[in-house]
């Protein structure tokens, strides 16, 4: 199975990379102890630091795979699949996410032309993530405390006459700082604070 959703990558390996603008992902196989991480060469050290994967299971590709109309990273992935003898097995991929393009799918079909189907395994990891371990539940409780602080900061910051950017800066600061017990992080998206007629804008 080819995994390309960054949240699924992090859940499976701990890798927290922000190179979302280039192709990266995992190959997960039933007969292989660990997933195999693949991505741009300059991101390999980040994967070694932030994931629990053995270094030999982190496979970087050269920069000439990046935005090259004649050379696609899925060909690199296909080489890894063949290297392990998995080309005759059922191959699945997350067809419906933002990080798996039409070119990804057509490249896999070109590489494995004898396959009738590259199976759609879009929700497979997501369904596994629904079942939370005790450690995950504890992390969720910690995150909830951070969110509570952030929302309190937002409510206290928004009032007539206060600049939106000042309120947004306070909210962003609270996100990153977290609580006394739990460090924060950047939010998934910057604080959006429309007012007046701009509240109708998405």
Protein backbone atom coordinates (compact mmCIF):
# COMPACT_ATOMS: atom_id res chain seq x y z
CA UNK A 1 0.00 0.00 0.00
CA UNK A 2 1.25 3.47 -0.93
CA UNK A 3 0.44 6.04 1.78
CA UNK A 4 0.72 9.73 0.89
CA UNK A 5 -1.51 11.56 3.39
CA UNK A 6 0.87 13.42 5.78
CA UNK A 7 -1.36 12.78 8.81
CA UNK A 8 -1.34 9.06 8.05
CA UNK A 9 2.42 9.14 7.58
CA UNK A 10 2.83 10.74 10.99
CA UNK A 11 0.44 8.31 12.67
CA UNK A 12 2.29 5.33 11.24
CA UNK A 13 5.88 6.49 11.75
CA UNK A 14 6.04 9.73 13.75
CA UNK A 15 7.41 11.61 10.72
CA UNK A 16 6.34 15.25 10.92
CA UNK A 17 7.66 16.70 7.69
CA UNK A 18 6.29 19.84 6.06
CA UNK A 19 7.55 19.21 2.54
CA UNK A 20 3.97 18.85 1.36
CA UNK A 21 4.80 20.51 -1.97
CA UNK A 22 6.84 17.51 -3.15
CA UNK A 23 5.79 13.88 -3.29
CA UNK A 24 6.57 11.86 -0.17
CA UNK A 25 5.01 8.89 1.50
CA UNK A 26 5.27 5.36 2.78
CA UNK A 27 5.08 1.85 1.40
CA UNK A 28 3.33 -0.46 3.86
CA UNK A 29 3.53 -4.20 3.23
CA UNK A 30 2.25 -7.10 5.31
CA UNK A 31 5.52 -9.01 4.98
CA UNK A 32 7.80 -6.13 5.93
CA UNK A 33 8.39 -5.27 9.59
CA UNK A 34 8.37 -1.50 9.08
CA UNK A 35 6.93 0.87 6.53
CA UNK A 36 9.41 2.19 3.99
CA UNK A 37 9.52 5.97 3.89
CA UNK A 38 10.31 7.70 0.61
CA UNK A 39 10.73 11.36 -0.21
CA UNK A 40 12.99 14.07 -1.47
CA UNK A 41 16.64 13.57 -0.55
CA UNK A 42 17.00 16.80 1.40
CA UNK A 43 14.16 15.70 3.72
CA UNK A 44 15.72 12.37 4.66
CA UNK A 45 17.55 13.71 7.72
CA UNK A 46 14.31 15.15 9.06
CA UNK A 47 12.70 11.74 8.68
CA UNK A 48 15.61 10.14 10.54
CA UNK A 49 15.17 12.56 13.44
CA UNK A 50 11.38 12.65 13.74
CA UNK A 51 10.37 9.08 12.85
CA UNK A 52 11.03 5.75 14.50
CA UNK A 53 11.95 4.11 11.18
CA UNK A 54 15.28 2.38 10.83
CA UNK A 55 17.54 4.47 8.63
CA UNK A 56 17.66 1.77 5.98
CA UNK A 57 13.90 2.09 5.63
CA UNK A 58 14.15 5.78 4.74
CA UNK A 59 14.64 5.97 0.98
CA UNK A 60 15.41 9.40 -0.49
CA UNK A 61 15.08 10.26 -4.16
CA UNK A 62 17.25 12.71 -6.09
CA UNK A 63 16.11 16.25 -6.87
CA UNK A 64 15.77 15.48 -10.57
CA UNK A 65 12.51 13.70 -9.70
CA UNK A 66 11.00 17.01 -8.54
CA UNK A 67 8.60 18.58 -11.07
CA UNK A 68 10.23 16.73 -13.93
CA UNK A 69 7.72 15.95 -16.72
CA UNK A 70 9.86 12.98 -17.82
CA UNK A 71 10.63 11.50 -14.40
CA UNK A 72 8.09 11.05 -11.61
CA UNK A 73 8.65 10.03 -7.96
CA UNK A 74 6.10 7.21 -8.36
CA UNK A 75 8.62 5.55 -10.67
CA UNK A 76 11.05 5.63 -7.74
CA UNK A 77 8.34 4.07 -5.56
CA UNK A 78 7.72 1.41 -8.22
CA UNK A 79 11.43 0.52 -8.16
CA UNK A 80 11.23 -0.06 -4.39
CA UNK A 81 8.15 -2.24 -4.84
CA UNK A 82 9.94 -4.35 -7.46
CA UNK A 83 13.08 -4.50 -5.32
CA UNK A 84 11.07 -6.31 -2.63
CA UNK A 85 9.16 -8.53 -5.04
CA UNK A 86 5.80 -6.89 -4.31
CA UNK A 87 4.91 -6.12 -7.91
CA UNK A 88 2.75 -9.25 -8.17
CA UNK A 89 0.79 -8.43 -5.04
CA UNK A 90 -2.29 -6.20 -4.77
CA UNK A 91 -1.12 -2.59 -4.90
CA UNK A 92 -3.25 0.01 -3.16
CA UNK A 93 -2.98 3.78 -2.96
CA UNK A 94 -4.85 6.66 -1.36
CA UNK A 95 -6.60 7.81 -4.53
CA UNK A 96 -8.62 10.60 -2.94
CA UNK A 97 -6.40 12.99 -1.03
CA UNK A 98 -4.64 16.25 -1.81
CA UNK A 99 -1.19 14.69 -2.04
CA UNK A 100 -1.90 11.92 -4.54
CA UNK A 101 -2.26 13.43 -8.00
CA UNK A 102 -3.65 12.00 -11.21
CA UNK A 103 -0.06 11.74 -12.43
CA UNK A 104 0.76 9.58 -9.41
CA UNK A 105 -1.92 7.10 -10.39
CA UNK A 106 -1.16 7.05 -14.11
CA UNK A 107 2.55 6.58 -13.36
CA UNK A 108 1.79 3.54 -11.19
CA UNK A 109 -0.36 2.11 -13.97
CA UNK A 110 2.45 2.71 -16.46
CA UNK A 111 4.98 1.07 -14.16
CA UNK A 112 2.73 -1.94 -13.47
CA UNK A 113 0.97 -2.25 -16.81
CA UNK A 114 -0.01 -5.86 -16.14
CA UNK A 115 -2.09 -4.81 -13.12
CA UNK A 116 -5.78 -4.56 -13.88
CA UNK A 117 -6.28 -2.26 -10.94
CA UNK A 118 -4.37 -0.09 -8.50
CA UNK A 119 -6.80 -0.53 -5.60
CA UNK A 120 -8.33 2.49 -3.91
CA UNK A 121 -7.22 2.26 -0.28
CA UNK A 122 -8.03 5.87 0.62
CA UNK A 123 -9.58 5.33 4.04
CA UNK A 124 -7.66 2.27 5.22
CA UNK A 125 -5.26 3.99 7.62
CA UNK A 126 -7.92 6.51 8.64
CA UNK A 127 -10.21 3.72 9.84
CA UNK A 128 -7.34 2.27 11.88
CA UNK A 129 -6.75 5.68 13.44
CA UNK A 130 -10.30 5.72 14.86
CA UNK A 131 -9.27 3.24 17.57
CA UNK A 132 -7.28 5.28 20.08
CA UNK A 133 -4.61 3.89 22.37
CA UNK A 134 -4.38 5.10 26.01
CA UNK A 135 -1.35 7.21 25.01
CA UNK A 136 -3.29 8.85 22.18
CA UNK A 137 -6.19 9.62 24.51
CA UNK A 138 -3.77 11.29 26.92
CA UNK A 139 -2.31 13.36 24.07
CA UNK A 140 -5.84 14.37 23.06
CA UNK A 141 -6.53 15.55 26.61
CA UNK A 142 -3.35 17.60 26.57
CA UNK A 143 -4.29 19.09 23.20
CA UNK A 144 -7.76 19.94 24.53
CA UNK A 145 -6.19 21.97 27.34
CA UNK A 146 -4.12 23.88 24.80
CA UNK A 147 -7.24 24.50 22.69
CA UNK A 148 -9.13 25.72 25.75
CA UNK A 149 -6.38 28.25 26.45
CA UNK A 150 -6.36 29.36 22.81
CA UNK A 151 -10.13 29.85 22.71
CA UNK A 152 -10.06 31.77 26.00
CA UNK A 153 -7.36 34.00 24.52
CA UNK A 154 -9.51 34.56 21.43
CA UNK A 155 -12.63 35.47 23.42
CA UNK A 156 -10.65 37.83 25.65
CA UNK A 157 -8.89 39.45 22.64
CA UNK A 158 -11.88 40.20 20.43
CA UNK A 159 -13.60 43.44 21.35
CA UNK A 160 -14.65 46.68 19.63
CA UNK A 161 -11.74 48.87 18.64
CA UNK A 162 -9.09 46.17 18.77
CA UNK A 163 -7.16 45.50 15.58
CA UNK A 164 -7.87 42.11 14.03
CA UNK A 165 -4.17 41.51 13.52
CA UNK A 166 -3.52 42.10 17.21
CA UNK A 167 -6.19 39.57 18.17
CA UNK A 168 -4.85 37.09 15.61
CA UNK A 169 -1.31 37.54 16.94
CA UNK A 170 -2.48 36.77 20.47
CA UNK A 171 -4.28 33.64 19.31
CA UNK A 172 -1.24 32.51 17.32
CA UNK A 173 1.01 33.12 20.33
CA UNK A 174 -1.29 31.05 22.55
CA UNK A 175 -1.26 28.20 20.00
CA UNK A 176 2.52 28.05 19.91
CA UNK A 177 3.08 28.55 23.65
CA UNK A 178 0.59 25.94 24.82
CA UNK A 179 0.15 25.51 28.56
CA UNK A 180 2.59 25.29 31.46
CA UNK A 181 2.48 21.49 31.16
CA UNK A 182 2.11 21.00 27.41
CA UNK A 183 3.97 22.80 24.62
CA UNK A 184 1.87 24.09 21.76
CA UNK A 185 2.46 24.06 18.03
CA UNK A 186 1.50 26.06 14.98
CA UNK A 187 -2.17 25.68 14.02
CA UNK A 188 -3.23 23.84 10.89
CA UNK A 189 -4.23 27.22 9.42
CA UNK A 190 -3.55 30.80 10.47
CA UNK A 191 -6.17 32.47 12.70
CA UNK A 192 -9.02 33.78 10.53
CA UNK A 193 -10.79 36.76 12.06
CA UNK A 194 -13.19 38.44 9.63
CA UNK A 195 -15.51 41.12 10.95
CA UNK A 196 -18.48 43.14 9.68
CA UNK A 197 -19.41 42.26 6.10
CA UNK A 198 -16.32 40.08 5.79
CA UNK A 199 -17.89 37.48 8.08
CA UNK A 200 -19.67 36.21 4.96
CA UNK A 201 -16.32 35.32 3.35
CA UNK A 202 -14.95 31.81 3.57
